[in-house]
Protein backbone atom coordinates (compact mmCIF):
# COMPACT_ATOMS: atom_id res chain seq x y z
CA UNK A 1 23.25 -4.95 1.09
CA UNK A 2 20.46 -4.24 3.54
CA UNK A 3 17.96 -7.06 3.90
CA UNK A 4 14.52 -6.00 2.69
CA UNK A 5 11.29 -7.98 2.80
CA UNK A 6 8.11 -7.41 0.81
CA UNK A 7 4.68 -7.56 2.43
CA UNK A 8 1.54 -7.94 0.33
CA UNK A 9 -2.10 -8.18 1.46
CA UNK A 10 -4.61 -10.26 -0.44
CA UNK A 11 -8.25 -11.23 -0.06
CA UNK A 12 -10.34 -13.55 -2.19
CA UNK A 13 -13.68 -11.78 -2.20
CA UNK A 14 -15.25 -14.74 -4.02
CA UNK A 15 -14.47 -17.22 -1.26
CA UNK A 16 -17.84 -18.46 0.19
CA UNK A 17 -16.27 -19.08 3.61
CA UNK A 18 -14.89 -15.53 3.73
CA UNK A 19 -18.24 -14.15 2.56
CA UNK A 20 -20.05 -16.08 5.30
CA UNK A 21 -17.61 -14.81 7.92
CA UNK A 22 -18.10 -11.24 6.70
CA UNK A 23 -21.88 -11.62 6.69
CA UNK A 24 -21.85 -12.50 10.40
CA UNK A 25 -20.99 -8.89 11.22
CA UNK A 26 -23.22 -5.93 10.50
CA UNK A 27 -21.70 -2.74 9.11
CA UNK A 28 -23.03 0.49 10.53
CA UNK A 29 -23.87 3.48 8.37
CA UNK A 30 -20.41 5.04 8.73
CA UNK A 31 -18.49 2.07 7.37
CA UNK A 32 -17.10 1.57 3.89
CA UNK A 33 -18.23 -1.78 2.46
CA UNK A 34 -18.26 -1.05 -1.27
CA UNK A 35 -18.03 -4.32 -3.24
CA UNK A 36 -15.17 -3.05 -5.43
CA UNK A 37 -12.98 -3.01 -2.31
CA UNK A 38 -13.08 -6.82 -2.17
CA UNK A 39 -13.55 -8.21 -5.68
CA UNK A 40 -10.72 -10.18 -7.25
CA UNK A 41 -9.09 -9.28 -10.56
CA UNK A 42 -7.38 -12.71 -10.73
CA UNK A 43 -4.06 -11.02 -11.50
CA UNK A 44 -2.05 -11.86 -8.37
CA UNK A 45 0.23 -14.25 -10.27
CA UNK A 46 1.57 -11.23 -12.15
CA UNK A 47 2.50 -9.60 -8.86
CA UNK A 48 4.72 -12.57 -8.08
CA UNK A 49 6.10 -12.69 -11.62
CA UNK A 50 7.00 -9.01 -11.40
CA UNK A 51 8.77 -9.47 -8.07
CA UNK A 52 10.78 -12.45 -9.29
CA UNK A 53 11.79 -10.78 -12.56
CA UNK A 54 12.34 -7.22 -11.38
CA UNK A 55 13.35 -7.59 -7.68
CA UNK A 56 15.16 -10.95 -7.33
CA UNK A 57 17.13 -9.48 -4.42
CA UNK A 58 14.13 -9.48 -2.03
CA UNK A 59 14.87 -11.56 1.08
CA UNK A 60 11.36 -12.79 1.88
CA UNK A 61 7.77 -12.25 0.73
CA UNK A 62 5.19 -12.16 3.52
CA UNK A 63 1.85 -13.01 1.91
CA UNK A 64 -0.90 -11.87 4.28
CA UNK A 65 -4.31 -13.48 3.96
CA UNK A 66 -7.55 -14.15 5.86
CA UNK A 67 -6.81 -17.84 5.41
CA UNK A 68 -7.53 -18.63 1.80
CA UNK A 69 -4.80 -19.15 -0.80
CA UNK A 70 -4.69 -19.00 -4.60
CA UNK A 71 -4.90 -22.54 -5.99
CA UNK A 72 -1.77 -21.95 -8.08
CA UNK A 73 0.48 -20.69 -5.27
CA UNK A 74 3.49 -22.88 -4.42
CA UNK A 75 3.67 -22.48 -0.66
CA UNK A 76 6.90 -24.51 -0.54
CA UNK A 77 8.88 -21.67 -2.12
CA UNK A 78 11.64 -20.86 0.43
CA UNK A 79 11.21 -17.13 -0.06
CA UNK A 80 7.47 -17.26 0.68
CA UNK A 81 5.99 -16.81 4.16
CA UNK A 82 2.22 -17.25 4.28
CA UNK A 83 0.80 -15.15 7.12
CA UNK A 84 -2.68 -15.49 8.57
CA UNK A 85 -4.29 -12.48 10.24
CA UNK A 86 -4.32 -14.40 13.52
CA UNK A 87 -0.52 -14.64 13.38
CA UNK A 88 -0.04 -10.96 14.18
CA UNK A 89 -3.35 -9.20 14.95
CA UNK A 90 -4.78 -9.42 18.51
CA UNK A 91 -7.27 -12.27 18.65
CA UNK A 92 -9.99 -10.13 20.23
CA UNK A 93 -9.96 -7.91 17.11
CA UNK A 94 -10.56 -10.75 14.63
CA UNK A 95 -11.95 -11.32 12.15
CA UNK A 96 -11.38 -8.03 10.38
CA UNK A 97 -12.50 -6.90 6.94
CA UNK A 98 -10.73 -3.56 7.26
CA UNK A 99 -7.26 -3.06 5.77
CA UNK A 100 -6.35 -0.44 8.37
CA UNK A 101 -6.02 -2.84 11.35
CA UNK A 102 -4.00 -5.19 9.16
CA UNK A 103 -1.65 -2.46 7.97
CA UNK A 104 -1.23 -0.94 11.42
CA UNK A 105 0.00 -4.24 12.86
CA UNK A 106 2.29 -5.36 10.05
CA UNK A 107 5.39 -4.83 12.18
CA UNK A 108 4.25 -7.74 14.37
CA UNK A 109 4.59 -10.32 11.56
CA UNK A 110 6.98 -13.02 12.84
CA UNK A 111 10.34 -12.95 11.08
CA UNK A 112 9.77 -9.64 9.30
CA UNK A 113 12.96 -7.69 8.48
CA UNK A 114 13.55 -4.30 10.08
CA UNK A 115 13.06 -2.59 6.74
CA UNK A 116 10.26 -3.73 4.44
CA UNK A 117 8.26 -2.62 1.42
CA UNK A 118 4.50 -2.76 1.76
CA UNK A 119 2.30 -3.51 -1.26
CA UNK A 120 -1.44 -3.60 -1.77
CA UNK A 121 -2.36 -6.38 -4.18
CA UNK A 122 -3.07 -3.82 -6.90
CA UNK A 123 0.54 -2.53 -6.89
CA UNK A 124 2.87 -4.19 -9.38
CA UNK A 125 6.53 -4.05 -10.35
CA UNK A 126 6.73 -3.55 -14.11
CA UNK A 127 10.44 -2.78 -14.59
CA UNK A 128 13.68 -3.56 -12.70
CA UNK A 129 14.00 -2.02 -9.22
CA UNK A 130 16.88 -1.99 -6.76
CA UNK A 131 16.86 -1.61 -2.97
CA UNK A 132 17.99 2.00 -3.54
CA UNK A 133 14.65 2.71 -5.17
CA UNK A 134 13.09 2.26 -1.73
CA UNK A 135 15.73 3.11 0.87
CA UNK A 136 19.02 5.03 0.94
CA UNK A 137 21.19 5.71 3.98
CA UNK A 138 18.49 4.07 6.09
CA UNK A 139 15.89 6.61 4.94
CA UNK A 140 12.76 5.97 2.84
CA UNK A 141 13.01 7.20 -0.75
CA UNK A 142 9.94 9.45 -0.87
CA UNK A 143 8.38 12.54 -2.38
CA UNK A 144 7.97 15.07 0.44
CA UNK A 145 5.13 17.08 -1.02
CA UNK A 146 2.52 19.10 0.84
CA UNK A 147 -1.17 18.69 0.16
CA UNK A 148 -4.44 20.07 1.47
CA UNK A 149 -7.09 17.75 2.86
CA UNK A 150 -10.51 19.04 1.85
CA UNK A 151 -13.66 18.12 3.78
CA UNK A 152 -15.84 15.64 1.96
CA UNK A 153 -18.15 12.68 2.30
CA UNK A 154 -15.53 10.04 1.56
CA UNK A 155 -14.32 7.85 4.40
CA UNK A 156 -10.75 8.11 3.13
CA UNK A 157 -10.75 11.90 3.57
CA UNK A 158 -11.73 11.48 7.20
CA UNK A 159 -8.95 8.96 7.77
CA UNK A 160 -6.37 11.27 6.20
CA UNK A 161 -7.61 14.07 8.43
CA UNK A 162 -7.23 11.84 11.49
CA UNK A 163 -3.67 11.03 10.47
CA UNK A 164 -2.78 14.70 10.08
CA UNK A 165 -4.40 15.64 13.39
CA UNK A 166 -1.99 13.23 15.03
CA UNK A 167 0.98 14.56 13.05
CA UNK A 168 0.25 18.18 14.04
CA UNK A 169 0.19 17.11 17.68
CA UNK A 170 3.80 15.91 17.47
CA UNK A 171 5.51 17.83 14.67
CA UNK A 172 6.02 21.49 13.80
CA UNK A 173 5.78 22.44 10.14
CA UNK A 174 7.97 25.45 10.92
CA UNK A 175 10.76 23.10 12.07
CA UNK A 176 10.44 21.10 8.86
CA UNK A 177 10.64 24.28 6.75
CA UNK A 178 13.66 25.51 8.70
CA UNK A 179 15.71 22.32 8.80
CA UNK A 180 14.82 20.42 5.62
CA UNK A 181 14.76 22.82 2.69
CA UNK A 182 16.79 20.38 0.59
CA UNK A 183 14.16 17.68 1.05
CA UNK A 184 11.29 20.12 0.47
CA UNK A 185 12.60 21.66 -2.74
CA UNK A 186 14.35 18.83 -4.54
CA UNK A 187 14.22 19.22 -8.32
CA UNK A 188 13.57 15.48 -8.51
CA UNK A 189 9.92 16.20 -7.66
CA UNK A 190 9.35 17.85 -11.02
CA UNK A 191 6.00 19.62 -11.31
CA UNK A 192 5.09 18.34 -7.84
CA UNK A 193 7.12 21.22 -6.40
CA UNK A 194 4.12 23.47 -6.99
CA UNK A 195 2.43 21.82 -3.99
CA UNK A 196 5.24 22.90 -1.67
CA UNK A 197 5.44 26.41 -3.08
CA UNK A 198 1.71 27.05 -2.71
CA UNK A 199 1.29 25.49 0.73
CA UNK A 200 4.60 26.66 2.20
CA UNK A 201 3.10 29.74 3.97
CA UNK A 202 0.68 27.70 6.13
CA UNK A 203 2.08 27.33 9.63
CA UNK A 204 0.50 23.93 10.35
CA UNK A 205 0.56 20.75 8.31
CA UNK A 206 -2.43 20.69 5.98
CA UNK A 207 -1.58 17.27 4.58
CA UNK A 208 0.97 15.33 2.57
CA UNK A 209 0.60 14.26 -1.04
CA UNK A 210 -0.16 10.54 -1.05
CA UNK A 211 1.13 8.27 -3.78
CA UNK A 212 -0.62 4.92 -4.20
CA UNK A 213 2.63 3.05 -4.71
CA UNK A 214 4.66 0.53 -2.70
CA UNK A 215 6.02 2.14 0.47
CA UNK A 216 9.16 1.48 2.50
CA UNK A 217 8.72 1.30 6.27
CA UNK A 218 10.76 0.27 9.28
CA UNK A 219 9.56 -1.67 12.28
CA UNK A 220 11.26 0.96 14.44
CA UNK A 221 8.95 3.69 13.11
CA UNK A 222 5.92 1.49 13.70
CA UNK A 223 7.04 0.78 17.25
CA UNK A 224 7.62 4.48 17.95
CA UNK A 225 4.15 5.46 16.74
CA UNK A 226 2.53 2.61 18.69
CA UNK A 227 4.37 3.72 21.83
CA UNK A 228 3.11 7.30 21.42
CA UNK A 229 -0.46 6.52 20.26
CA UNK A 230 -1.31 3.00 21.41
CA UNK A 231 -4.90 3.89 22.27
CA UNK A 232 -5.60 5.49 18.90
CA UNK A 233 -4.06 2.64 16.90
CA UNK A 234 -5.66 -0.08 18.98
CA UNK A 235 -9.09 1.55 18.58
CA UNK A 236 -8.73 1.34 14.80
CA UNK A 237 -7.59 -2.28 15.15
CA UNK A 238 -10.95 -3.11 16.75
CA UNK A 239 -12.91 -1.81 13.72
CA UNK A 240 -14.01 -4.72 11.56
CA UNK A 241 -14.90 -2.42 8.65
CA UNK A 242 -13.28 0.79 7.46
CA UNK A 243 -14.62 3.67 9.51
CA UNK A 244 -14.40 7.47 9.50
CA UNK A 245 -12.72 7.35 12.91
CA UNK A 246 -9.83 5.18 11.65
CA UNK A 247 -6.21 6.10 11.20
CA UNK A 248 -4.11 4.30 8.61
CA UNK A 249 -0.58 3.10 7.97
CA UNK A 250 0.02 6.34 6.10
CA UNK A 251 0.40 7.78 9.58
CA UNK A 252 3.73 5.90 9.73
CA UNK A 253 4.70 7.40 6.38
CA UNK A 254 3.71 10.89 7.48
CA UNK A 255 5.79 10.41 10.63
CA UNK A 256 8.95 10.19 8.53
CA UNK A 257 7.86 12.98 6.17
CA UNK A 258 7.14 15.39 9.03
CA UNK A 259 10.65 14.77 10.36
CA UNK A 260 12.19 15.33 6.93
CA UNK A 261 13.69 11.87 7.36
CA UNK A 262 13.60 10.93 3.66
CA UNK A 263 15.67 10.86 0.49
CA UNK A 264 13.88 12.68 -2.39
CA UNK A 265 12.41 10.34 -4.99
CA UNK A 266 12.06 10.91 -8.70
CA UNK A 267 8.65 11.92 -9.99
CA UNK A 268 8.76 9.29 -12.73
CA UNK A 269 9.45 6.11 -10.78
CA UNK A 270 5.81 5.00 -10.64
CA UNK A 271 2.27 5.77 -11.69
CA UNK A 272 -1.23 5.36 -10.30
CA UNK A 273 -4.23 4.72 -12.52
CA UNK A 274 -7.85 3.74 -11.98
CA UNK A 275 -8.44 0.50 -13.84
CA UNK A 276 -12.20 1.06 -13.67
CA UNK A 277 -12.40 4.75 -14.63
CA UNK A 278 -9.51 5.49 -17.00
CA UNK A 279 -9.82 4.57 -20.69
CA UNK A 280 -8.97 0.88 -20.85
CA UNK A 281 -6.45 1.51 -23.64
CA UNK A 282 -4.56 3.85 -21.30
CA UNK A 283 -4.54 1.23 -18.55
CA UNK A 284 -3.33 -1.62 -20.75
CA UNK A 285 -0.81 0.61 -22.52
CA UNK A 286 0.76 1.60 -19.20
CA UNK A 287 1.07 -2.04 -18.13
CA UNK A 288 2.52 -3.29 -21.42
CA UNK A 289 5.01 -0.45 -21.85
CA UNK A 290 7.20 -1.30 -18.85
CA UNK A 291 7.90 2.44 -18.73
CA UNK A 292 7.44 2.73 -14.99
CA UNK A 293 9.18 0.73 -12.27
CA UNK A 294 5.92 0.31 -10.39
CA UNK A 295 2.27 0.95 -11.04
CA UNK A 296 -0.95 0.85 -9.08
CA UNK A 297 -4.04 -0.36 -10.98
CA UNK A 298 -6.70 0.67 -8.51
CA UNK A 299 -10.33 -0.48 -8.46
CA UNK A 300 -12.13 2.76 -7.62
CA UNK A 301 -15.75 2.21 -8.58
CA UNK A 302 -18.37 -0.18 -9.86
CA UNK A 303 -18.52 -0.30 -13.65
CA UNK A 304 -20.83 -2.11 -16.07
CA UNK A 305 -17.95 -3.39 -18.20
CA UNK A 306 -15.91 -4.82 -15.31
CA UNK A 307 -15.50 -8.32 -16.78
CA UNK A 308 -14.40 -6.94 -20.15
CA UNK A 309 -11.91 -4.59 -18.49
CA UNK A 310 -10.63 -7.40 -16.30
CA UNK A 311 -9.84 -9.62 -19.30
CA UNK A 312 -7.99 -6.81 -21.09
CA UNK A 313 -5.94 -6.04 -17.98
CA UNK A 314 -5.01 -9.72 -17.67
CA UNK A 315 -3.95 -9.82 -21.33
CA UNK A 316 -1.77 -6.74 -20.81
CA UNK A 317 -0.02 -8.28 -17.79
CA UNK A 318 0.50 -11.53 -19.69
CA UNK A 319 2.13 -9.57 -22.50
CA UNK A 320 4.63 -8.04 -20.03
CA UNK A 321 5.09 -11.10 -17.80
CA UNK A 322 4.26 -14.27 -19.76
CA UNK A 323 6.57 -16.67 -17.91
CA UNK A 324 5.41 -18.49 -14.79
CA UNK A 325 7.36 -17.67 -11.64
CA UNK A 326 8.80 -20.10 -9.08
CA UNK A 327 5.97 -19.00 -6.78
CA UNK A 328 3.48 -20.75 -9.09
CA UNK A 329 2.88 -24.47 -9.19
CA UNK A 330 3.78 -26.14 -12.50
CA UNK A 331 1.06 -25.85 -15.09
CA UNK A 332 -1.60 -28.46 -14.35
CA UNK A 333 -0.35 -28.87 -10.79
CA UNK A 334 -3.08 -26.85 -9.12
């Protein structure tokens, strides 16, 4: 079986030392510093519980942090590798409060396996997964679906546009249409096929449908993109806050999609939901059901009932994953 590592990023937005470090740097008007991008839902223990219960085959977990750690985390666990930003990001670019520089340099983490699955800390395993859910025949298991990036005021739209500008420089959509019909029109995509049918006539890439779910990458792909676009990626690495001129790690994903170098994934393997906008009963029901192998409970906006929502989300996770994992210190041992 191929060795696969998991990488997860975490920040404790309530840490006074982190807050002081962040306050030392001024964000310009084009940066994204919304508070919901940093606040903590206190649900990270359920990420580890999900991994231990549903993916016991993982070789190593690389837990990436600014420097703080959850008080309950057992750092002596042999499968756990605690990684500080300074361990893999150029020193002259630190500190950073921007996920893009962190994601773009993940392949530099010491001891990382060639193939790895990248998680944000709002992405959870909620049912059993196998390595084949992420990689088959050395190829990422993905949904190769077209999309159209529309102009807007959101920073994320600009970053997606920057990614696609780079992709169109290197890859022909006509080649993809000619050589990878099987990957483009797999029935496993379900209703998602409508994206490919509608956007098929366009001669240039207008975008790829982005799923907010754990993603499989290889260090080789990262190294290839860095070799081709070192200046572009390094420039983003210097940005301490998310900026409209950034590119993101989705560029690495798009690199494989534009080559057709994927195995079609099922439409029902995972779901994304906004934990702050969707009806809270829908959010908690999705978590408790265990219907999906993986879910993303995203924090998309400020909301007046945040604390109430947070408690209900925690209760839902505890219903699904009540047992402490080996990554947690014994109760009372914090």
